[in-house]
N, C-alpha and C. Protein backbone atom coordinates (compact mmCIF):
# COMPACT_ATOMS: atom_id res chain seq x y z
N UNK A 1 -19.17 10.60 39.64
CA UNK A 1 -18.45 9.82 38.10
C UNK A 1 -18.72 10.47 36.84
N UNK A 2 -17.74 10.49 36.46
CA UNK A 2 -17.92 11.01 34.70
C UNK A 2 -18.82 10.01 33.92
N UNK A 3 -19.67 10.91 33.07
CA UNK A 3 -19.99 9.94 31.91
C UNK A 3 -19.08 9.82 31.03
N UNK A 4 -19.55 8.85 29.98
CA UNK A 4 -19.32 8.28 28.54
C UNK A 4 -18.64 9.54 28.07
N UNK A 5 -19.64 10.35 27.73
CA UNK A 5 -19.56 11.76 27.15
C UNK A 5 -18.39 12.49 27.35
N UNK A 6 -18.67 12.61 29.20
CA UNK A 6 -17.79 13.66 29.83
C UNK A 6 -16.26 13.44 29.67
N UNK A 7 -15.95 12.11 29.74
CA UNK A 7 -14.54 11.41 29.37
C UNK A 7 -14.23 11.79 28.17
N UNK A 8 -14.95 11.15 27.11
CA UNK A 8 -14.44 11.58 25.65
C UNK A 8 -14.09 13.06 25.31
N UNK A 9 -15.01 13.65 25.79
CA UNK A 9 -14.78 14.97 25.91
C UNK A 9 -13.68 15.59 26.04
N UNK A 10 -13.24 15.27 27.52
CA UNK A 10 -11.52 15.85 27.73
C UNK A 10 -10.78 14.99 26.94
N UNK A 11 -10.84 13.92 26.56
CA UNK A 11 -9.75 13.20 25.71
C UNK A 11 -9.75 14.04 24.33
N UNK A 12 -10.78 14.32 23.76
CA UNK A 12 -10.73 15.12 22.46
C UNK A 12 -10.27 16.47 22.65
N UNK A 13 -10.90 17.22 23.58
CA UNK A 13 -10.58 18.45 23.88
C UNK A 13 -8.70 18.74 24.29
N UNK A 14 -8.34 17.91 24.88
CA UNK A 14 -6.49 18.10 25.56
C UNK A 14 -6.20 17.38 24.00
N UNK A 15 -6.75 17.02 23.08
CA UNK A 15 -5.96 16.86 21.69
C UNK A 15 -6.35 18.12 20.48
N UNK A 16 -7.37 19.18 20.84
CA UNK A 16 -7.25 20.01 20.21
C UNK A 16 -6.02 20.87 20.03
N UNK A 17 -5.67 21.36 18.72
CA UNK A 17 -4.59 21.93 18.30
C UNK A 17 -2.92 20.98 17.75
N UNK A 18 -3.58 19.36 18.50
CA UNK A 18 -2.15 18.88 18.24
C UNK A 18 -2.18 18.42 17.09
N UNK A 19 -1.52 17.83 16.34
CA UNK A 19 -1.16 17.07 14.86
C UNK A 19 -1.70 15.72 15.33
N UNK A 20 -2.23 14.95 14.50
CA UNK A 20 -2.45 13.33 14.85
C UNK A 20 -1.39 12.86 13.89
N UNK A 21 -0.47 13.77 13.61
CA UNK A 21 0.37 13.10 12.35
C UNK A 21 -0.52 12.35 11.17
N UNK A 22 0.51 11.80 10.24
CA UNK A 22 0.22 11.23 9.12
C UNK A 22 -0.20 9.77 9.16
N UNK A 23 -0.80 9.24 8.08
CA UNK A 23 -0.86 7.72 8.28
C UNK A 23 0.15 7.39 7.05
N UNK A 24 0.18 6.24 6.86
CA UNK A 24 0.65 5.47 5.69
C UNK A 24 0.58 5.95 4.13
N UNK A 25 1.44 5.94 3.29
CA UNK A 25 1.37 6.23 2.02
C UNK A 25 0.70 5.19 1.42
N UNK A 26 -0.77 6.01 0.13
CA UNK A 26 -1.62 5.26 -0.64
C UNK A 26 -1.02 5.28 -2.08
N UNK A 27 -0.61 4.37 -2.72
CA UNK A 27 -0.28 4.68 -4.14
C UNK A 27 -1.85 4.75 -5.00
N UNK A 28 -1.43 6.03 -5.84
CA UNK A 28 -2.80 6.17 -6.69
C UNK A 28 -2.33 5.83 -8.20
N UNK A 29 -2.92 4.26 -7.94
CA UNK A 29 -2.48 3.31 -9.33
C UNK A 29 -3.27 4.09 -10.29
N UNK A 30 -3.29 3.61 -11.69
CA UNK A 30 -4.03 4.05 -12.76
C UNK A 30 -5.49 3.17 -12.87
N UNK A 31 -5.22 1.62 -12.11
CA UNK A 31 -6.27 0.85 -11.64
C UNK A 31 -7.44 1.56 -11.06
N UNK A 32 -6.87 2.01 -9.80
CA UNK A 32 -7.50 2.89 -8.94
C UNK A 32 -8.19 4.23 -9.28
N UNK A 33 -7.42 4.81 -10.12
CA UNK A 33 -8.16 5.90 -11.08
C UNK A 33 -9.18 5.12 -12.32
N UNK A 34 -8.84 4.50 -12.55
CA UNK A 34 -10.11 3.86 -13.32
C UNK A 34 -11.53 3.36 -12.81
N UNK A 35 -10.87 2.52 -11.73
CA UNK A 35 -12.16 2.14 -11.10
C UNK A 35 -13.01 3.42 -10.36
N UNK A 36 -12.32 4.50 -10.01
CA UNK A 36 -13.20 5.53 -9.52
C UNK A 36 -13.87 6.11 -10.53
N UNK A 37 -13.08 5.91 -11.62
CA UNK A 37 -14.13 6.64 -12.97
C UNK A 37 -15.35 5.73 -13.12
N UNK A 38 -15.03 4.73 -13.29
CA UNK A 38 -16.33 3.30 -13.36
C UNK A 38 -17.07 3.70 -12.57
N UNK A 39 -17.12 3.74 -11.07
CA UNK A 39 -18.12 4.01 -10.23
C UNK A 39 -18.85 5.41 -10.19
N UNK A 40 -17.81 6.48 -10.89
CA UNK A 40 -18.49 7.79 -10.71
C UNK A 40 -19.05 8.30 -11.96
N UNK A 41 -18.77 7.65 -12.87
CA UNK A 41 -19.00 8.11 -14.36
C UNK A 41 -18.21 8.85 -14.94
N UNK A 42 -17.48 9.41 -14.21
CA UNK A 42 -16.14 10.65 -15.12
C UNK A 42 -15.20 10.13 -15.31
N UNK A 43 -15.54 9.91 -16.86
CA UNK A 43 -14.29 9.37 -17.62
C UNK A 43 -13.30 10.31 -18.56
N UNK A 44 -13.59 11.58 -17.90
CA UNK A 44 -12.72 12.81 -18.69
C UNK A 44 -11.38 12.10 -19.09
N UNK A 45 -10.89 12.21 -20.44
CA UNK A 45 -9.56 11.64 -20.66
C UNK A 45 -8.27 12.20 -19.81
N UNK A 46 -8.28 13.10 -18.92
CA UNK A 46 -7.00 13.48 -18.24
C UNK A 46 -7.21 12.60 -17.36
N UNK A 47 -8.07 11.69 -16.99
CA UNK A 47 -8.15 10.72 -15.77
C UNK A 47 -7.53 9.49 -16.43
N UNK A 48 -8.16 8.91 -17.37
CA UNK A 48 -8.15 7.77 -18.09
C UNK A 48 -7.57 7.43 -19.13
N UNK A 49 -6.86 8.05 -20.03
CA UNK A 49 -6.30 7.98 -21.45
C UNK A 49 -4.91 8.46 -21.24
N UNK A 50 -4.11 7.62 -20.89
CA UNK A 50 -2.79 7.71 -20.67
C UNK A 50 -2.07 8.31 -22.22
N UNK A 51 -2.42 7.69 -23.35
CA UNK A 51 -2.12 8.28 -24.65
C UNK A 51 -2.03 9.68 -24.92
N UNK A 52 -3.39 10.01 -24.53
CA UNK A 52 -3.78 11.47 -24.67
C UNK A 52 -2.92 12.48 -24.03
N UNK A 53 -2.76 11.62 -22.71
CA UNK A 53 -2.07 12.80 -21.51
C UNK A 53 -0.70 12.96 -22.03
N UNK A 54 -0.04 12.03 -22.76
CA UNK A 54 1.20 12.29 -23.46
C UNK A 54 1.08 13.25 -24.40
N UNK A 55 0.49 13.09 -24.97
CA UNK A 55 0.07 14.15 -26.32
C UNK A 55 -0.27 15.86 -25.53
N UNK A 56 -1.95 15.92 -24.87
CA UNK A 56 -2.22 17.15 -24.50
C UNK A 56 -2.30 17.42 -23.32
N UNK A 57 -1.57 16.63 -22.08
CA UNK A 57 -1.51 17.02 -20.58
C UNK A 57 -0.64 17.99 -20.49
N UNK A 58 -0.47 18.60 -19.77
CA UNK A 58 0.37 19.39 -18.80
C UNK A 58 1.21 18.92 -18.01
N UNK A 59 0.46 17.54 -18.01
CA UNK A 59 1.54 16.75 -16.53
C UNK A 59 2.06 15.43 -17.28
N UNK A 60 1.29 15.14 -18.43
CA UNK A 60 2.30 14.01 -19.38
C UNK A 60 1.66 12.39 -18.80
N UNK A 61 0.63 12.60 -18.03
CA UNK A 61 0.37 11.21 -17.48
C UNK A 61 -1.38 12.01 -16.94
N UNK A 62 -1.86 10.87 -16.44
CA UNK A 62 -3.37 10.89 -16.14
C UNK A 62 -3.08 11.48 -14.75
N UNK A 63 -4.17 11.80 -14.33
CA UNK A 63 -4.09 12.59 -13.04
C UNK A 63 -5.60 11.85 -12.00
N UNK A 64 -5.26 11.90 -11.30
CA UNK A 64 -6.54 11.61 -10.04
C UNK A 64 -7.55 12.50 -10.24
N UNK A 65 -8.65 11.97 -10.11
CA UNK A 65 -9.99 12.55 -9.68
C UNK A 65 -10.13 13.80 -8.52
N UNK A 66 -10.03 14.83 -8.41
CA UNK A 66 -9.98 15.74 -7.18
C UNK A 66 -10.80 14.98 -5.94
N UNK A 67 -12.08 14.41 -6.38
CA UNK A 67 -13.38 13.92 -5.47
C UNK A 67 -12.45 12.57 -5.38
N UNK A 68 -11.47 11.51 -5.94
CA UNK A 68 -10.53 10.36 -5.59
C UNK A 68 -10.23 10.24 -4.58
N UNK A 69 -9.08 11.93 -4.77
CA UNK A 69 -8.27 12.18 -3.27
C UNK A 69 -9.05 12.35 -2.11
N UNK A 70 -10.26 13.12 -2.46
CA UNK A 70 -10.74 13.52 -1.49
C UNK A 70 -11.66 12.17 -0.61
N UNK A 71 -11.73 11.47 -1.22
CA UNK A 71 -12.51 10.20 -0.82
C UNK A 71 -11.48 9.40 0.04
N UNK A 72 -10.63 9.68 -0.18
CA UNK A 72 -9.20 8.85 0.45
C UNK A 72 -9.02 9.32 1.85
N UNK A 73 -9.80 10.13 2.33
CA UNK A 73 -9.54 10.51 3.90
C UNK A 73 -9.96 9.71 4.45
N UNK A 74 -11.17 8.88 4.41
CA UNK A 74 -11.52 7.97 5.32
C UNK A 74 -10.48 6.90 5.41
N UNK A 75 -10.13 6.50 4.72
CA UNK A 75 -8.97 5.45 4.77
C UNK A 75 -7.78 6.00 5.44
N UNK A 76 -7.43 7.21 5.00
CA UNK A 76 -6.34 8.01 5.79
C UNK A 76 -6.51 8.01 7.09
N UNK A 77 -7.71 8.46 7.76
CA UNK A 77 -8.12 8.69 8.89
C UNK A 77 -7.85 7.31 10.17
N UNK A 78 -8.63 6.18 9.27
CA UNK A 78 -8.19 5.11 9.79
C UNK A 78 -6.95 4.54 10.45
N UNK A 79 -6.00 5.20 9.73
CA UNK A 79 -4.56 4.65 10.07
C UNK A 79 -4.09 5.97 10.67
N UNK A 80 -4.36 7.27 10.63
CA UNK A 80 -3.46 8.24 11.50
C UNK A 80 -4.30 8.59 12.77
N UNK A 81 -5.57 8.70 13.02
CA UNK A 81 -6.23 8.74 13.93
C UNK A 81 -6.17 8.27 15.35
N UNK A 82 -6.35 8.72 16.35
CA UNK A 82 -6.35 7.33 17.43
C UNK A 82 -7.73 7.10 17.70
N UNK A 83 -7.45 5.84 18.32
CA UNK A 83 -8.91 5.48 18.48
C UNK A 83 -9.28 5.88 19.98
N UNK A 84 -10.33 6.18 20.32
CA UNK A 84 -10.92 6.69 21.40
C UNK A 84 -12.05 5.67 22.21
N UNK A 85 -11.34 5.46 23.26
CA UNK A 85 -12.24 4.39 24.42
C UNK A 85 -13.67 4.91 24.42
N UNK A 86 -14.60 3.97 23.95
CA UNK A 86 -16.03 3.81 24.07
C UNK A 86 -16.84 4.75 22.85
N UNK A 87 -15.85 5.17 21.76
CA UNK A 87 -16.08 5.37 20.43
C UNK A 87 -16.87 4.26 20.04
N UNK A 88 -18.42 4.22 19.47
CA UNK A 88 -18.60 3.29 18.73
C UNK A 88 -18.69 3.43 17.07
N UNK A 89 -18.58 4.40 16.61
CA UNK A 89 -18.48 4.50 15.04
C UNK A 89 -18.24 6.03 14.94
N UNK A 90 -17.62 6.44 13.73
CA UNK A 90 -17.45 7.79 13.40
C UNK A 90 -18.40 7.90 12.02
N UNK A 91 -18.78 9.20 11.69
CA UNK A 91 -19.67 9.74 10.85
C UNK A 91 -19.22 10.94 10.09
N UNK A 92 -19.03 10.89 8.69
CA UNK A 92 -18.91 11.86 8.04
C UNK A 92 -19.54 12.94 8.29
N UNK A 93 -19.64 13.97 8.56
CA UNK A 93 -20.65 15.31 8.59
C UNK A 93 -20.59 16.52 7.50
N UNK A 94 -19.63 16.29 7.09
CA UNK A 94 -19.23 17.14 6.06
C UNK A 94 -18.21 18.13 5.81
N UNK A 95 -17.95 18.89 5.26
CA UNK A 95 -16.47 19.78 5.28
C UNK A 95 -17.02 21.22 5.19
N UNK A 96 -16.14 22.05 5.41
CA UNK A 96 -16.50 23.64 5.63
C UNK A 96 -15.71 24.29 4.31
N UNK A 97 -14.67 23.32 4.05
CA UNK A 97 -13.77 24.04 2.86
C UNK A 97 -13.12 22.68 2.43
N UNK A 98 -13.01 22.98 1.35
CA UNK A 98 -12.28 21.68 0.58
C UNK A 98 -11.16 22.46 -0.68
N UNK A 99 -9.98 22.33 -0.97
CA UNK A 99 -9.39 23.20 -1.76
C UNK A 99 -8.29 21.96 -2.44
N UNK A 100 -8.55 21.90 -3.76
CA UNK A 100 -7.98 20.98 -4.75
C UNK A 100 -6.68 21.85 -4.82
N UNK A 101 -5.50 21.51 -4.80
CA UNK A 101 -4.27 22.27 -4.92
C UNK A 101 -3.29 22.61 -6.05
N UNK A 102 -3.23 20.91 -6.24
CA UNK A 102 -2.22 20.18 -6.63
C UNK A 102 -2.61 18.87 -7.66
N UNK A 103 -2.65 18.70 -8.89
CA UNK A 103 -3.18 17.27 -9.26
C UNK A 103 -2.27 15.89 -8.95
N UNK A 104 -2.80 15.10 -8.76
CA UNK A 104 -1.97 13.67 -8.12
C UNK A 104 -1.78 13.21 -9.40
N UNK A 105 -0.94 12.63 -9.89
CA UNK A 105 -0.39 12.02 -10.96
C UNK A 105 -0.47 10.72 -10.78
N UNK A 106 -0.97 9.91 -11.83
CA UNK A 106 -0.81 8.49 -11.76
C UNK A 106 0.32 7.67 -11.34
N UNK A 107 0.67 6.98 -10.35
CA UNK A 107 1.62 6.47 -9.83
C UNK A 107 2.36 6.88 -9.08
N UNK A 108 1.57 7.93 -8.35
CA UNK A 108 2.28 8.97 -6.87
C UNK A 108 1.74 8.35 -6.22
N UNK A 109 2.05 9.13 -4.86
CA UNK A 109 1.74 8.34 -3.44
C UNK A 109 1.03 9.47 -2.64
N UNK A 110 0.09 9.21 -2.03
CA UNK A 110 -0.49 10.43 -1.27
C UNK A 110 -0.36 10.10 0.34
N UNK A 111 -0.45 11.10 1.39
CA UNK A 111 -1.36 10.68 2.98
C UNK A 111 -1.34 11.77 3.61
N UNK A 112 -2.33 11.87 4.19
CA UNK A 112 -2.81 12.79 4.83
C UNK A 112 -2.55 13.16 6.22
N UNK A 113 -2.39 14.58 6.52
CA UNK A 113 -1.97 14.87 7.71
C UNK A 113 -3.35 15.23 8.55
N UNK A 114 -3.59 14.82 9.78
CA UNK A 114 -4.57 15.60 10.36
C UNK A 114 -4.13 16.25 11.67
N UNK A 115 -4.91 17.57 11.96
CA UNK A 115 -5.04 18.57 12.99
C UNK A 115 -6.09 18.40 13.51
N UNK A 116 -6.51 18.45 14.79
CA UNK A 116 -7.75 18.36 15.02
C UNK A 116 -8.07 20.15 15.76
N UNK A 117 -9.16 20.60 15.28
CA UNK A 117 -8.71 22.17 15.62
C UNK A 117 -10.17 22.28 16.25
N UNK A 118 -11.13 21.74 16.58
CA UNK A 118 -11.85 22.05 17.55
C UNK A 118 -13.24 20.69 17.61
N UNK A 119 -13.62 20.46 18.91
CA UNK A 119 -14.51 19.43 19.42
C UNK A 119 -15.64 20.29 20.07
N UNK A 120 -16.58 19.49 20.01
CA UNK A 120 -18.05 19.90 20.82
C UNK A 120 -18.90 19.14 21.36
N UNK A 121 -19.49 18.93 22.15
CA UNK A 121 -20.12 17.92 22.68
C UNK A 121 -21.83 18.32 21.90
N UNK A 122 -21.89 17.57 20.96
CA UNK A 122 -23.51 17.56 20.50
C UNK A 122 -25.14 17.18 21.46
N UNK A 123 -24.07 15.99 22.34
CA UNK A 123 -25.50 15.73 22.70
C UNK A 123 -24.00 14.49 24.00
N UNK A 124 -25.10 13.59 25.10
CA UNK A 124 -23.83 13.08 25.95
C UNK A 124 -23.25 12.09 25.10
N UNK A 125 -23.81 11.43 23.68
CA UNK A 125 -23.04 10.79 22.89
C UNK A 125 -22.45 11.08 21.61
N UNK A 126 -22.55 12.65 21.32
CA UNK A 126 -22.11 12.94 20.01
C UNK A 126 -20.95 14.02 20.16
N UNK A 127 -20.07 13.81 19.74
CA UNK A 127 -19.13 14.53 19.66
C UNK A 127 -18.66 14.93 18.46
N UNK A 128 -18.90 16.55 17.91
CA UNK A 128 -18.58 16.98 16.43
C UNK A 128 -16.99 17.43 16.42
N UNK A 129 -16.35 17.21 15.55
CA UNK A 129 -15.17 17.37 15.39
C UNK A 129 -14.41 18.24 14.16
N UNK A 130 -13.70 19.15 14.12
CA UNK A 130 -13.37 19.78 13.05
C UNK A 130 -11.77 19.77 13.07
N UNK A 131 -11.40 18.65 11.95
CA UNK A 131 -10.32 18.59 11.40
C UNK A 131 -9.67 19.71 10.43
N UNK A 132 -8.70 19.89 10.64
CA UNK A 132 -7.97 20.69 9.39
C UNK A 132 -6.84 19.55 8.54
N UNK A 133 -7.39 19.47 7.46
CA UNK A 133 -6.37 17.91 6.89
C UNK A 133 -5.78 18.48 5.45
N UNK A 134 -4.48 17.98 5.39
CA UNK A 134 -3.81 18.24 4.32
C UNK A 134 -3.44 17.28 3.77
N UNK A 135 -3.59 16.95 2.17
CA UNK A 135 -3.39 15.78 1.65
C UNK A 135 -1.23 16.00 0.92
N UNK A 136 -0.55 15.10 1.17
CA UNK A 136 0.83 15.55 0.49
C UNK A 136 0.70 14.47 -0.46
N UNK A 137 1.43 14.94 -1.47
CA UNK A 137 2.16 13.95 -2.27
C UNK A 137 3.63 13.74 -2.27
N UNK A 138 3.75 12.77 -2.27
CA UNK A 138 5.44 12.21 -2.00
C UNK A 138 6.12 12.86 -2.99
N UNK A 139 7.15 13.76 -2.27
CA UNK A 139 7.96 14.42 -2.99
C UNK A 139 7.85 15.57 -3.86
N UNK A 140 6.37 15.96 -3.52
CA UNK A 140 6.07 17.09 -3.92
C UNK A 140 5.80 18.41 -3.08
N UNK A 141 6.39 19.59 -3.24
CA UNK A 141 6.36 21.00 -2.61
C UNK A 141 4.74 20.92 -2.11
N UNK A 142 4.09 21.27 -3.01
CA UNK A 142 2.67 21.84 -2.68
C UNK A 142 1.89 20.17 -2.43
N UNK A 143 0.84 20.48 -1.15
CA UNK A 143 0.11 19.45 -1.40
C UNK A 143 -1.00 19.27 -2.34
N UNK A 144 -1.78 18.05 -2.33
CA UNK A 144 -3.13 17.76 -3.25
C UNK A 144 -4.07 18.51 -2.78
N UNK A 145 -4.52 18.53 -1.57
CA UNK A 145 -5.73 19.30 -1.25
C UNK A 145 -5.65 19.60 0.18
N UNK A 146 -6.37 20.54 0.39
CA UNK A 146 -6.53 21.09 1.82
C UNK A 146 -8.02 21.23 2.52
N UNK A 147 -8.46 20.68 3.77
CA UNK A 147 -9.82 20.69 3.72
C UNK A 147 -9.95 21.04 5.24
N UNK A 148 -11.16 21.48 5.58
CA UNK A 148 -11.93 21.40 7.08
C UNK A 148 -12.66 20.24 7.01
N UNK A 149 -12.66 19.43 7.70
CA UNK A 149 -13.31 18.09 7.79
C UNK A 149 -14.02 18.07 8.91
N UNK A 150 -16.00 18.02 8.98
CA UNK A 150 -16.21 17.62 10.28
C UNK A 150 -16.76 16.37 10.24
N UNK A 151 -16.29 15.71 11.48
CA UNK A 151 -17.02 14.13 11.79
C UNK A 151 -17.57 14.03 13.10
N UNK A 152 -18.48 13.39 12.97
CA UNK A 152 -19.19 12.88 14.38
C UNK A 152 -18.51 11.83 14.72
N UNK A 153 -18.20 11.78 16.34
CA UNK A 153 -17.84 10.37 16.93
C UNK A 153 -19.22 10.56 17.79
N UNK A 154 -19.53 8.89 17.66
CA UNK A 154 -20.63 8.30 18.45
C UNK A 154 -20.34 7.60 19.46
N UNK A 155 -20.73 7.83 20.58
CA UNK A 155 -20.02 7.04 21.67
C UNK A 155 -20.93 6.12 22.02
N UNK A 156 -20.60 4.97 22.09
CA UNK A 156 -21.13 4.24 22.67
C UNK A 156 -22.26 4.06 24.31
N UNK A 157 -23.45 4.22 24.32
CA UNK A 157 -24.29 4.18 25.34
C UNK A 157 -23.82 3.37 26.42
N UNK A 158 -23.82 3.91 27.49
CA UNK A 158 -23.41 3.37 28.73
C UNK A 158 -22.38 3.00 29.19
N UNK A 159 -21.24 3.27 28.31
CA UNK A 159 -19.82 3.14 28.28
C UNK A 159 -19.50 4.17 29.53
N UNK A 160 -18.69 3.15 30.37
CA UNK A 160 -18.40 4.00 31.73
C UNK A 160 -16.49 4.38 31.71
N UNK A 161 -16.21 4.39 30.56
CA UNK A 161 -14.81 4.99 30.15
C UNK A 161 -13.88 4.07 31.13
């Protein structure tokens, strides 16, 4: 009989190289940008001052913090990635690469595309996955960001698949 880890590994391994598609579009409102500025203490005018942006910014409007866009990957993943039977939780394990490629203007919408690049069983209940992620900006040619994201799927002990 296959163990929980072996079954999950086979499911994950079969998905390597496959695109998991993308989730729903998320609106990047000025309220969202302002709330992120408040939480992080990053009140740079290019994010929170529409009047200054009209005069001084090359984009004419405030832009989202790069880290705001990055932080939305979790929300995007909930919507785009498949649920795996026996998975108890997911843990953010880090990034090997992050590139902020285009600014995200206030009022625009973004979504993330995920491609599972690699999976390793670290233990019978831990699967480490590397995703290639691209965050698209609706109507834009260039993406907002590209990243290699590492996540750990923790499998429920005793799950028999």
